[in-house]
Amino acid sequence: MWQMRPPSRKSGDVESAGGLPPPLYPTMLESPQLRWAFIRKIYFILAVQLLLTVAVASVVVFVRPIPHFFVSSGAGLGIYIFLVILPLIVLCPLYYYHQRHPVNYLLLAVFTLSLSFSVGLTCAFTSGKVILESAILTSVVVVSLTLYTYWAAKRGHDFQFLGPFLFVALLILIVFAFIQLVFPLGRLSVMIYGALAAVIFCGYIIYDTDNLIKRYTYDEYIWAAVSLYLDIINLFLSLLTLFRAADT
């Protein structure tokens, strides 16, 4: 126990001997144990979301009647549009109730399932090679950026300054997508869009991981998981867009 530590030991030796985790960043004032428990909870929720996404998307991809229904009938197209919009609709009550259990988990499940179905429909009309390349590169990038952010935070780096730049970049990306939708600019512009989107969501992974380490409160575990989940899914879809355009 802390009260029983030998007075002759240094602080670092005491922490090592007692199994206490070191601070995540130099100016950390809260308990590292509580913050690490919070981080583990977030990554557990995120892992469940990603596994659910892989499962649902795999069913949509491999059960061919499902994607064919959505492209061969007016009703299917209407349901597809609804499923694309549904995650945006669910985000509003999820933001309001993200600290209220068990409503937050129910809304999170609806959000994840609807977005997973949309991802599956996107992958259903993409070659397996492109999907595999995008999935592998997404995994490597997410793990690398996560480890880098923890390493940088440990050395006192802060990425809060990225917030305004990423927000403006996201707005530009949305306008770019709208222009591409109304006035298609060709395969090269699609590749540029995919590359820019991938870079932006790489920035968001660093930004949201830094917030997870330093700024999210313990009651914001749902919203923290949603933020990282959206970063990963959007990075995957951006790479999918880039590789699919390059493959044609």
Protein backbone atom coordinates (compact mmCIF):
# COMPACT_ATOMS: atom_id res chain seq x y z
CA MET A 1 0.00 0.00 0.00
CA TRP A 2 0.99 3.65 -0.49
CA GLN A 3 1.26 4.23 3.26
CA MET A 4 3.65 1.29 3.68
CA ARG A 5 6.24 2.28 1.06
CA PRO A 6 9.84 2.30 2.29
CA PRO A 7 11.06 5.89 2.67
CA SER A 8 14.38 5.12 1.00
CA ARG A 9 12.82 4.18 -2.41
CA LYS A 10 12.42 6.58 -5.28
CA SER A 11 8.95 7.37 -6.62
CA GLY A 12 9.47 5.49 -9.90
CA ASP A 13 10.63 2.38 -8.00
CA VAL A 14 7.60 2.52 -5.74
CA GLU A 15 5.24 2.70 -8.70
CA SER A 16 6.96 -0.23 -10.36
CA ALA A 17 6.95 -2.30 -7.20
CA GLY A 18 3.32 -1.53 -6.41
CA GLY A 19 2.13 -2.12 -9.94
CA LEU A 20 0.81 1.43 -10.28
CA PRO A 21 0.59 2.60 -13.91
CA PRO A 22 2.67 5.67 -14.79
CA PRO A 23 0.96 8.92 -15.89
CA LEU A 24 -0.18 8.99 -19.49
CA TYR A 25 1.17 12.53 -19.99
CA PRO A 26 3.44 14.81 -17.94
CA THR A 27 0.79 17.17 -16.53
CA MET A 28 -1.68 14.41 -15.59
CA LEU A 29 -3.44 15.14 -12.29
CA GLU A 30 -6.09 12.39 -12.19
CA SER A 31 -5.48 8.78 -11.23
CA PRO A 32 -3.79 6.83 -14.07
CA GLN A 33 -5.64 3.71 -12.90
CA LEU A 34 -9.03 5.33 -13.43
CA ARG A 35 -8.04 6.74 -16.82
CA TRP A 36 -6.67 3.38 -17.99
CA ALA A 37 -9.88 1.65 -16.85
CA PHE A 38 -11.86 4.23 -18.85
CA ILE A 39 -9.65 3.69 -21.92
CA ARG A 40 -10.06 -0.09 -21.72
CA LYS A 41 -13.83 0.34 -21.54
CA ILE A 42 -13.81 2.54 -24.66
CA TYR A 43 -11.71 0.09 -26.66
CA PHE A 44 -13.92 -2.82 -25.58
CA ILE A 45 -17.03 -1.01 -26.85
CA LEU A 46 -15.17 -0.07 -30.03
CA ALA A 47 -14.07 -3.68 -30.60
CA VAL A 48 -17.66 -4.88 -30.25
CA GLN A 49 -18.81 -2.24 -32.74
CA LEU A 50 -16.15 -3.23 -35.27
CA LEU A 51 -16.87 -6.95 -34.89
CA LEU A 52 -20.57 -6.28 -35.36
CA THR A 53 -19.79 -4.21 -38.45
CA VAL A 54 -17.67 -6.99 -39.95
CA ALA A 55 -20.38 -9.57 -39.23
CA VAL A 56 -23.24 -7.54 -40.70
CA ALA A 57 -21.23 -6.39 -43.71
CA SER A 58 -20.12 -9.98 -44.40
CA VAL A 59 -23.73 -11.19 -44.42
CA VAL A 60 -24.71 -8.42 -46.83
CA VAL A 61 -21.75 -9.15 -49.13
CA PHE A 62 -22.02 -12.95 -49.24
CA VAL A 63 -25.82 -13.29 -49.28
CA ARG A 64 -26.22 -11.96 -52.82
CA PRO A 65 -30.06 -11.61 -52.82
CA ILE A 66 -29.72 -8.83 -50.22
CA PRO A 67 -27.73 -6.32 -52.35
CA HIS A 68 -29.67 -7.29 -55.48
CA PHE A 69 -32.93 -6.42 -53.74
CA PHE A 70 -31.68 -2.90 -53.06
CA VAL A 71 -30.67 -2.24 -56.67
CA SER A 72 -33.48 -4.01 -58.49
CA SER A 73 -36.58 -2.39 -56.98
CA GLY A 74 -37.85 1.03 -56.02
CA ALA A 75 -38.69 -0.17 -52.52
CA GLY A 76 -35.15 -1.46 -52.07
CA LEU A 77 -33.70 1.87 -53.17
CA GLY A 78 -35.95 3.71 -50.72
CA ILE A 79 -34.88 1.42 -47.86
CA TYR A 80 -31.25 1.90 -48.84
CA ILE A 81 -31.58 5.70 -48.69
CA PHE A 82 -33.29 5.37 -45.30
CA LEU A 83 -30.46 3.18 -43.97
CA VAL A 84 -27.88 5.70 -45.18
CA ILE A 85 -29.69 8.56 -43.41
CA LEU A 86 -30.60 6.58 -40.26
CA PRO A 87 -27.15 6.84 -38.57
CA LEU A 88 -27.28 10.64 -38.93
CA ILE A 89 -30.76 10.67 -37.40
CA VAL A 90 -29.73 8.41 -34.49
CA LEU A 91 -26.70 10.60 -33.72
CA CYS A 92 -28.97 13.39 -32.44
CA PRO A 93 -30.70 11.42 -29.64
CA LEU A 94 -27.46 9.52 -29.01
CA TYR A 95 -25.66 12.79 -28.30
CA TYR A 96 -28.45 13.85 -25.94
CA TYR A 97 -28.74 10.49 -24.12
CA HIS A 98 -25.12 9.32 -24.31
CA GLN A 99 -24.84 9.47 -20.49
CA ARG A 100 -28.19 7.76 -19.77
CA HIS A 101 -28.06 3.98 -19.33
CA PRO A 102 -29.46 1.76 -20.92
CA VAL A 103 -30.87 4.11 -23.57
CA ASN A 104 -27.35 4.99 -24.71
CA TYR A 105 -26.51 1.34 -25.43
CA LEU A 106 -29.77 0.78 -27.34
CA LEU A 107 -29.16 3.85 -29.50
CA LEU A 108 -25.55 2.81 -30.00
CA ALA A 109 -26.69 -0.61 -31.22
CA VAL A 110 -29.13 0.95 -33.71
CA PHE A 111 -26.47 3.36 -34.90
CA THR A 112 -23.87 0.62 -35.36
CA LEU A 113 -26.24 -1.81 -37.10
CA SER A 114 -27.55 0.78 -39.56
CA LEU A 115 -24.07 2.02 -40.42
CA SER A 116 -22.81 -1.56 -40.72
CA PHE A 117 -25.55 -2.32 -43.22
CA SER A 118 -24.56 0.71 -45.29
CA VAL A 119 -20.92 -0.36 -45.23
CA GLY A 120 -21.96 -3.86 -46.32
CA LEU A 121 -23.95 -2.52 -49.26
CA THR A 122 -20.98 -0.42 -50.33
CA CYS A 123 -18.68 -3.44 -50.16
CA ALA A 124 -21.19 -5.66 -51.99
CA PHE A 125 -20.49 -3.85 -55.25
CA THR A 126 -16.71 -3.69 -54.76
CA SER A 127 -14.14 -6.32 -55.70
CA GLY A 128 -12.76 -8.52 -52.95
CA LYS A 129 -9.20 -7.38 -53.68
CA VAL A 130 -10.10 -3.72 -53.08
CA ILE A 131 -11.96 -4.58 -49.85
CA LEU A 132 -9.01 -6.60 -48.55
CA GLU A 133 -6.49 -3.89 -49.42
CA SER A 134 -8.62 -1.23 -47.72
CA ALA A 135 -9.18 -3.35 -44.61
CA ILE A 136 -5.49 -4.21 -44.20
CA LEU A 137 -4.32 -0.63 -44.73
CA THR A 138 -6.99 0.70 -42.36
CA SER A 139 -5.90 -1.73 -39.63
CA VAL A 140 -2.22 -0.82 -40.03
CA VAL A 141 -2.91 2.93 -40.05
CA VAL A 142 -5.25 2.83 -37.03
CA VAL A 143 -2.84 0.77 -34.90
CA SER A 144 0.14 2.91 -35.94
CA LEU A 145 -1.56 6.24 -35.29
CA THR A 146 -2.95 5.04 -31.96
CA LEU A 147 0.47 3.92 -30.74
CA TYR A 148 2.05 7.14 -32.01
CA THR A 149 -0.54 9.28 -30.18
CA TYR A 150 0.08 7.49 -26.87
CA TRP A 151 3.84 7.82 -27.39
CA ALA A 152 3.52 11.52 -28.21
CA ALA A 153 1.20 12.20 -25.27
CA LYS A 154 3.67 10.50 -22.93
CA ARG A 155 6.29 13.02 -24.08
CA GLY A 156 4.06 16.03 -23.55
CA HIS A 157 2.75 16.61 -27.08
CA ASP A 158 -0.79 17.90 -27.41
CA PHE A 159 -2.99 17.67 -30.52
CA GLN A 160 -5.84 19.92 -29.47
CA PHE A 161 -4.72 22.47 -32.07
CA LEU A 162 -5.86 20.07 -34.82
CA GLY A 163 -9.54 20.61 -33.98
CA PRO A 164 -10.23 23.78 -36.02
CA PHE A 165 -8.15 22.61 -38.99
CA LEU A 166 -9.89 19.23 -39.12
CA PHE A 167 -13.32 20.84 -38.86
CA VAL A 168 -12.62 23.18 -41.79
CA ALA A 169 -11.09 20.31 -43.79
CA LEU A 170 -14.20 18.22 -43.17
CA LEU A 171 -16.45 21.03 -44.40
CA ILE A 172 -14.35 21.34 -47.56
CA LEU A 173 -14.59 17.58 -48.05
CA ILE A 174 -18.39 17.67 -47.74
CA VAL A 175 -18.62 20.48 -50.30
CA PHE A 176 -16.26 18.57 -52.58
CA ALA A 177 -18.47 15.47 -52.32
CA PHE A 178 -21.59 17.52 -53.10
CA ILE A 179 -19.94 19.03 -56.18
CA GLN A 180 -18.82 15.57 -57.28
CA LEU A 181 -22.38 14.31 -56.83
CA VAL A 182 -23.99 17.10 -58.85
CA PHE A 183 -21.22 17.61 -61.40
CA PRO A 184 -19.16 14.40 -61.72
CA LEU A 185 -15.56 15.34 -62.40
CA GLY A 186 -14.23 11.93 -63.39
CA ARG A 187 -12.11 9.14 -61.94
CA LEU A 188 -9.16 11.38 -61.03
CA SER A 189 -11.32 13.63 -58.86
CA VAL A 190 -12.73 10.57 -57.09
CA MET A 191 -9.20 9.41 -56.33
CA ILE A 192 -8.27 12.87 -55.04
CA TYR A 193 -11.41 12.89 -52.87
CA GLY A 194 -10.56 9.47 -51.41
CA ALA A 195 -6.96 10.47 -50.69
CA LEU A 196 -7.94 13.76 -49.03
CA ALA A 197 -10.64 12.05 -46.97
CA ALA A 198 -8.14 9.40 -45.82
CA VAL A 199 -5.67 12.07 -44.67
CA ILE A 200 -8.39 14.01 -42.84
CA PHE A 201 -9.67 10.97 -40.95
CA CYS A 202 -6.11 9.99 -40.05
CA GLY A 203 -5.94 13.39 -38.39
CA TYR A 204 -9.23 12.72 -36.61
CA ILE A 205 -7.91 9.42 -35.24
CA ILE A 206 -4.98 11.26 -33.66
CA TYR A 207 -7.22 14.08 -32.40
CA ASP A 208 -9.88 11.81 -30.88
CA THR A 209 -7.31 9.46 -29.35
CA ASP A 210 -5.62 12.46 -27.74
CA ASN A 211 -9.00 13.54 -26.35
CA LEU A 212 -9.56 9.99 -25.07
CA ILE A 213 -6.29 10.17 -23.16
CA LYS A 214 -6.76 13.66 -21.72
CA ARG A 215 -10.19 15.23 -22.08
CA TYR A 216 -13.16 12.88 -22.23
CA THR A 217 -14.90 12.56 -18.87
CA TYR A 218 -15.73 9.15 -17.45
CA ASP A 219 -19.42 9.58 -18.35
CA GLU A 220 -18.64 10.20 -22.03
CA TYR A 221 -17.60 6.64 -22.85
CA ILE A 222 -20.34 6.17 -25.47
CA TRP A 223 -19.53 9.38 -27.32
CA ALA A 224 -15.79 8.65 -27.20
CA ALA A 225 -16.40 5.19 -28.72
CA VAL A 226 -18.67 6.66 -31.40
CA SER A 227 -16.04 9.24 -32.36
CA LEU A 228 -13.29 6.66 -32.83
CA TYR A 229 -15.67 4.26 -34.58
CA LEU A 230 -16.68 6.92 -37.10
CA ASP A 231 -13.01 7.81 -37.69
CA ILE A 232 -12.14 4.18 -38.47
CA ILE A 233 -15.19 3.52 -40.66
CA ASN A 234 -14.70 6.74 -42.61
CA LEU A 235 -11.02 5.97 -43.11
CA PHE A 236 -11.93 2.54 -44.46
CA LEU A 237 -14.58 3.98 -46.81
CA SER A 238 -12.15 6.67 -48.00
CA LEU A 239 -9.51 4.07 -48.86
CA LEU A 240 -12.20 1.95 -50.49
CA THR A 241 -13.17 4.91 -52.68
CA LEU A 242 -9.55 5.57 -53.58
CA PHE A 243 -8.64 1.97 -54.43
CA ARG A 244 -11.90 1.33 -56.27
CA ALA A 245 -11.33 4.37 -58.49
CA ALA A 246 -7.73 3.31 -59.11
CA ASP A 247 -8.84 -0.24 -59.92
CA THR A 248 -11.26 0.76 -62.67
